[in-house]
């Protein structure tokens, strides 16, 4: 199954037939293993990595990384507050982090004002939130191992006359 997962991580569009050929396994077995991975929640979703610089709808979006200092709850620790936060539609990701703050929240909005309003009116007032620090993403260079902007240097050597 590790081999199947690795192939799907590299290209989620691979058909079971292609995976079976690559791994020299029966297609029926590959389909069954993929179905089991999906049913067990190992594979949650298939998706595309989109370059925001080339997608007009995403190009204008504002992304922010918010550091939260929080007070964990007695019985549930950080989980209950994280759950309240990840239910907001603006929230893309929530991570429990070690270091100078507790939770890292990544959100997206249409404007700086919309993101600022979300932080000040929705996140900061939540019970258990002690502090917030907002960082606006100015440019993405690499995401999920894929270089988004700039050009990779060619490994070919120049030929001189």
C-alpha atoms as a PDB file:
ATOM      1  CA  UNK A   1       0.000   0.000   0.000  1.00  0.00           C
ATOM      2  CA  UNK A   2       2.897   2.366   0.641  1.00  0.00           C
ATOM      3  CA  UNK A   3       3.884   2.084  -3.019  1.00  0.00           C
ATOM      4  CA  UNK A   4       0.344   2.934  -4.147  1.00  0.00           C
ATOM      5  CA  UNK A   5       0.173   5.931  -1.819  1.00  0.00           C
ATOM      6  CA  UNK A   6       3.537   7.200  -3.035  1.00  0.00           C
ATOM      7  CA  UNK A   7       2.440   6.994  -6.664  1.00  0.00           C
ATOM      8  CA  UNK A   8      -0.853   8.769  -5.932  1.00  0.00           C
ATOM      9  CA  UNK A   9       0.970  11.494  -3.992  1.00  0.00           C
ATOM     10  CA  UNK A  10       3.046  12.153  -7.086  1.00  0.00           C
ATOM     11  CA  UNK A  11       0.066  12.120  -9.471  1.00  0.00           C
ATOM     12  CA  UNK A  12      -3.481  11.691  -8.153  1.00  0.00           C
ATOM     13  CA  UNK A  13      -4.742  11.200 -11.710  1.00  0.00           C
ATOM     14  CA  UNK A  14      -3.041   7.822 -12.106  1.00  0.00           C
ATOM     15  CA  UNK A  15      -5.561   5.157 -13.024  1.00  0.00           C
ATOM     16  CA  UNK A  16      -5.531   1.837 -11.163  1.00  0.00           C
ATOM     17  CA  UNK A  17      -4.487   0.200 -14.439  1.00  0.00           C
ATOM     18  CA  UNK A  18      -1.410   2.445 -14.649  1.00  0.00           C
ATOM     19  CA  UNK A  19      -0.498   1.799 -11.020  1.00  0.00           C
ATOM     20  CA  UNK A  20      -0.912  -1.936 -11.507  1.00  0.00           C
ATOM     21  CA  UNK A  21       1.382  -1.844 -14.545  1.00  0.00           C
ATOM     22  CA  UNK A  22       4.016   0.196 -12.678  1.00  0.00           C
ATOM     23  CA  UNK A  23       3.967  -2.136  -9.677  1.00  0.00           C
ATOM     24  CA  UNK A  24       3.494  -5.328 -11.714  1.00  0.00           C
ATOM     25  CA  UNK A  25       0.391  -6.243  -9.691  1.00  0.00           C
ATOM     26  CA  UNK A  26      -3.128  -7.273 -10.720  1.00  0.00           C
ATOM     27  CA  UNK A  27      -5.485  -4.329 -11.397  1.00  0.00           C
ATOM     28  CA  UNK A  28      -8.124  -5.937  -9.178  1.00  0.00           C
ATOM     29  CA  UNK A  29      -5.718  -5.898  -6.193  1.00  0.00           C
ATOM     30  CA  UNK A  30      -4.749  -2.266  -6.786  1.00  0.00           C
ATOM     31  CA  UNK A  31      -8.399  -1.182  -7.027  1.00  0.00           C
ATOM     32  CA  UNK A  32      -9.219  -3.055  -3.819  1.00  0.00           C
ATOM     33  CA  UNK A  33      -6.275  -1.475  -1.950  1.00  0.00           C
ATOM     34  CA  UNK A  34      -7.184   2.035  -3.148  1.00  0.00           C
ATOM     35  CA  UNK A  35     -10.798   1.507  -2.096  1.00  0.00           C
ATOM     36  CA  UNK A  36      -9.635   0.320   1.345  1.00  0.00           C
ATOM     37  CA  UNK A  37      -7.366   3.388   1.697  1.00  0.00           C
ATOM     38  CA  UNK A  38     -10.344   5.620   0.903  1.00  0.00           C
ATOM     39  CA  UNK A  39     -12.711   3.774   3.265  1.00  0.00           C
ATOM     40  CA  UNK A  40     -10.154   3.839   6.102  1.00  0.00           C
ATOM     41  CA  UNK A  41      -9.725   7.609   5.693  1.00  0.00           C
ATOM     42  CA  UNK A  42      -6.066   7.332   4.659  1.00  0.00           C
ATOM     43  CA  UNK A  43      -6.914   8.944   1.317  1.00  0.00           C
ATOM     44  CA  UNK A  44      -9.239  11.816   2.164  1.00  0.00           C
ATOM     45  CA  UNK A  45      -9.394  13.748  -1.094  1.00  0.00           C
ATOM     46  CA  UNK A  46      -7.838  13.971  -4.527  1.00  0.00           C
ATOM     47  CA  UNK A  47      -6.898  17.432  -5.740  1.00  0.00           C
ATOM     48  CA  UNK A  48      -4.849  19.654  -7.982  1.00  0.00           C
ATOM     49  CA  UNK A  49      -2.100  22.069  -7.006  1.00  0.00           C
ATOM     50  CA  UNK A  50      -2.964  25.362  -8.689  1.00  0.00           C
ATOM     51  CA  UNK A  51      -0.484  28.160  -9.283  1.00  0.00           C
ATOM     52  CA  UNK A  52      -2.245  31.242  -7.840  1.00  0.00           C
ATOM     53  CA  UNK A  53      -0.212  33.554 -10.086  1.00  0.00           C
ATOM     54  CA  UNK A  54      -1.795  31.959 -13.157  1.00  0.00           C
ATOM     55  CA  UNK A  55      -5.356  31.605 -11.882  1.00  0.00           C
ATOM     56  CA  UNK A  56      -7.121  34.996 -12.128  1.00  0.00           C
ATOM     57  CA  UNK A  57      -9.626  34.090  -9.402  1.00  0.00           C
ATOM     58  CA  UNK A  58      -6.921  33.070  -6.907  1.00  0.00           C
ATOM     59  CA  UNK A  59      -4.484  35.810  -7.871  1.00  0.00           C
ATOM     60  CA  UNK A  60      -6.600  38.445  -6.138  1.00  0.00           C
ATOM     61  CA  UNK A  61      -7.219  36.410  -2.974  1.00  0.00           C
ATOM     62  CA  UNK A  62      -5.519  37.334   0.298  1.00  0.00           C
ATOM     63  CA  UNK A  63      -3.969  34.567   2.375  1.00  0.00           C
ATOM     64  CA  UNK A  64      -2.872  34.998   5.983  1.00  0.00           C
ATOM     65  CA  UNK A  65      -1.054  32.862   8.518  1.00  0.00           C
ATOM     66  CA  UNK A  66      -2.279  33.572  12.026  1.00  0.00           C
ATOM     67  CA  UNK A  67      -0.419  32.549  15.152  1.00  0.00           C
ATOM     68  CA  UNK A  68      -2.692  32.022  18.146  1.00  0.00           C
ATOM     69  CA  UNK A  69      -1.752  31.858  21.782  1.00  0.00           C
ATOM     70  CA  UNK A  70      -4.534  29.905  23.463  1.00  0.00           C
ATOM     71  CA  UNK A  71      -5.491  28.466  26.820  1.00  0.00           C
ATOM     72  CA  UNK A  72      -6.199  24.735  26.549  1.00  0.00           C
ATOM     73  CA  UNK A  73      -9.463  23.487  28.049  1.00  0.00           C
ATOM     74  CA  UNK A  74      -9.373  21.184  31.048  1.00  0.00           C
ATOM     75  CA  UNK A  75     -10.829  17.999  29.502  1.00  0.00           C
ATOM     76  CA  UNK A  76     -10.117  18.453  25.793  1.00  0.00           C
ATOM     77  CA  UNK A  77      -6.895  20.463  25.666  1.00  0.00           C
ATOM     78  CA  UNK A  78      -6.565  22.281  22.348  1.00  0.00           C
ATOM     79  CA  UNK A  79      -9.018  20.099  20.421  1.00  0.00           C
ATOM     80  CA  UNK A  80     -12.286  21.899  21.222  1.00  0.00           C
ATOM     81  CA  UNK A  81     -10.938  25.331  20.312  1.00  0.00           C
ATOM     82  CA  UNK A  82      -9.290  23.977  17.150  1.00  0.00           C
ATOM     83  CA  UNK A  83     -12.633  22.459  16.157  1.00  0.00           C
ATOM     84  CA  UNK A  84     -14.446  25.772  16.658  1.00  0.00           C
ATOM     85  CA  UNK A  85     -11.841  27.494  14.506  1.00  0.00           C
ATOM     86  CA  UNK A  86     -11.722  24.983  11.627  1.00  0.00           C
ATOM     87  CA  UNK A  87     -15.502  25.194  11.181  1.00  0.00           C
ATOM     88  CA  UNK A  88     -15.209  28.752   9.831  1.00  0.00           C
ATOM     89  CA  UNK A  89     -15.382  28.648   6.006  1.00  0.00           C
ATOM     90  CA  UNK A  90     -12.435  31.075   5.676  1.00  0.00           C
ATOM     91  CA  UNK A  91     -10.118  28.631   7.464  1.00  0.00           C
ATOM     92  CA  UNK A  92      -8.027  26.420   5.199  1.00  0.00           C
ATOM     93  CA  UNK A  93      -5.812  24.771   7.827  1.00  0.00           C
ATOM     94  CA  UNK A  94      -5.319  24.593  11.599  1.00  0.00           C
ATOM     95  CA  UNK A  95      -2.181  23.143  13.171  1.00  0.00           C
ATOM     96  CA  UNK A  96      -1.138  22.558  16.778  1.00  0.00           C
ATOM     97  CA  UNK A  97       2.423  23.884  16.857  1.00  0.00           C
ATOM     98  CA  UNK A  98       5.283  23.734  19.348  1.00  0.00           C
ATOM     99  CA  UNK A  99       7.219  26.894  20.100  1.00  0.00           C
ATOM    100  CA  UNK A 100       6.177  30.469  20.770  1.00  0.00           C
ATOM    101  CA  UNK A 101       2.478  30.012  20.023  1.00  0.00           C
ATOM    102  CA  UNK A 102      -0.040  27.179  20.148  1.00  0.00           C
ATOM    103  CA  UNK A 103      -2.144  27.110  16.989  1.00  0.00           C
ATOM    104  CA  UNK A 104      -1.337  28.156  13.439  1.00  0.00           C
ATOM    105  CA  UNK A 105      -4.365  29.052  11.344  1.00  0.00           C
ATOM    106  CA  UNK A 106      -4.217  29.641   7.600  1.00  0.00           C
ATOM    107  CA  UNK A 107      -7.120  31.588   6.146  1.00  0.00           C
ATOM    108  CA  UNK A 108      -8.069  33.086   2.832  1.00  0.00           C
ATOM    109  CA  UNK A 109     -10.266  36.075   2.019  1.00  0.00           C
ATOM    110  CA  UNK A 110     -11.111  38.432  -0.820  1.00  0.00           C
ATOM    111  CA  UNK A 111      -9.444  41.526   0.694  1.00  0.00           C
ATOM    112  CA  UNK A 112      -7.070  42.584   3.472  1.00  0.00           C
ATOM    113  CA  UNK A 113     -10.017  44.214   5.208  1.00  0.00           C
ATOM    114  CA  UNK A 114     -12.020  40.978   5.102  1.00  0.00           C
ATOM    115  CA  UNK A 115      -9.124  39.007   6.615  1.00  0.00           C
ATOM    116  CA  UNK A 116      -8.521  41.664   9.285  1.00  0.00           C
ATOM    117  CA  UNK A 117     -12.244  41.650  10.148  1.00  0.00           C
ATOM    118  CA  UNK A 118     -12.209  37.852  10.474  1.00  0.00           C
ATOM    119  CA  UNK A 119      -9.262  37.977  12.875  1.00  0.00           C
ATOM    120  CA  UNK A 120     -10.591  40.829  14.999  1.00  0.00           C
ATOM    121  CA  UNK A 121     -14.292  39.909  15.027  1.00  0.00           C
ATOM    122  CA  UNK A 122     -14.289  36.099  14.796  1.00  0.00           C
ATOM    123  CA  UNK A 123     -10.961  34.638  16.002  1.00  0.00           C
ATOM    124  CA  UNK A 124      -9.703  37.028  18.684  1.00  0.00           C
ATOM    125  CA  UNK A 125     -12.958  37.083  20.695  1.00  0.00           C
ATOM    126  CA  UNK A 126     -13.171  33.282  20.964  1.00  0.00           C
ATOM    127  CA  UNK A 127     -13.034  32.035  24.516  1.00  0.00           C
ATOM    128  CA  UNK A 128      -9.562  30.638  25.135  1.00  0.00           C
ATOM    129  CA  UNK A 129      -7.733  32.829  22.601  1.00  0.00           C
ATOM    130  CA  UNK A 130      -5.089  34.879  24.456  1.00  0.00           C
ATOM    131  CA  UNK A 131      -3.266  36.463  21.524  1.00  0.00           C
ATOM    132  CA  UNK A 132      -3.142  36.659  17.744  1.00  0.00           C
ATOM    133  CA  UNK A 133      -0.374  37.566  15.333  1.00  0.00           C
ATOM    134  CA  UNK A 134      -1.259  37.857  11.650  1.00  0.00           C
ATOM    135  CA  UNK A 135       1.170  37.436   8.768  1.00  0.00           C
ATOM    136  CA  UNK A 136      -0.018  38.143   5.226  1.00  0.00           C
ATOM    137  CA  UNK A 137       1.353  35.900   2.478  1.00  0.00           C
ATOM    138  CA  UNK A 138       2.858  38.133  -0.191  1.00  0.00           C
ATOM    139  CA  UNK A 139       3.952  35.479  -2.671  1.00  0.00           C
ATOM    140  CA  UNK A 140       4.071  31.688  -2.917  1.00  0.00           C
ATOM    141  CA  UNK A 141       7.266  30.188  -4.286  1.00  0.00           C
ATOM    142  CA  UNK A 142       6.719  26.512  -3.572  1.00  0.00           C
ATOM    143  CA  UNK A 143       3.771  24.444  -2.394  1.00  0.00           C
ATOM    144  CA  UNK A 144       3.540  20.700  -1.737  1.00  0.00           C
ATOM    145  CA  UNK A 145       7.013  20.278  -3.219  1.00  0.00           C
ATOM    146  CA  UNK A 146       6.094  22.051  -6.461  1.00  0.00           C
ATOM    147  CA  UNK A 147       7.905  25.260  -7.499  1.00  0.00           C
ATOM    148  CA  UNK A 148       5.248  27.814  -8.425  1.00  0.00           C
ATOM    149  CA  UNK A 149       7.169  30.849  -9.549  1.00  0.00           C
ATOM    150  CA  UNK A 150      10.494  31.541 -11.107  1.00  0.00           C
ATOM    151  CA  UNK A 151      12.266  29.105 -13.321  1.00  0.00           C
ATOM    152  CA  UNK A 152      14.139  26.029 -12.286  1.00  0.00           C
ATOM    153  CA  UNK A 153      17.692  26.163 -13.490  1.00  0.00           C
ATOM    154  CA  UNK A 154      18.412  23.848 -16.354  1.00  0.00           C
ATOM    155  CA  UNK A 155      20.745  20.974 -15.602  1.00  0.00           C
ATOM    156  CA  UNK A 156      22.033  21.177 -19.182  1.00  0.00           C
ATOM    157  CA  UNK A 157      25.321  22.827 -19.878  1.00  0.00           C
ATOM    158  CA  UNK A 158      25.601  25.623 -22.417  1.00  0.00           C
ATOM    159  CA  UNK A 159      27.245  24.670 -25.663  1.00  0.00           C
ATOM    160  CA  UNK A 160      29.789  27.203 -26.884  1.00  0.00           C
ATOM    161  CA  UNK A 161      31.210  27.313 -30.398  1.00  0.00           C
END
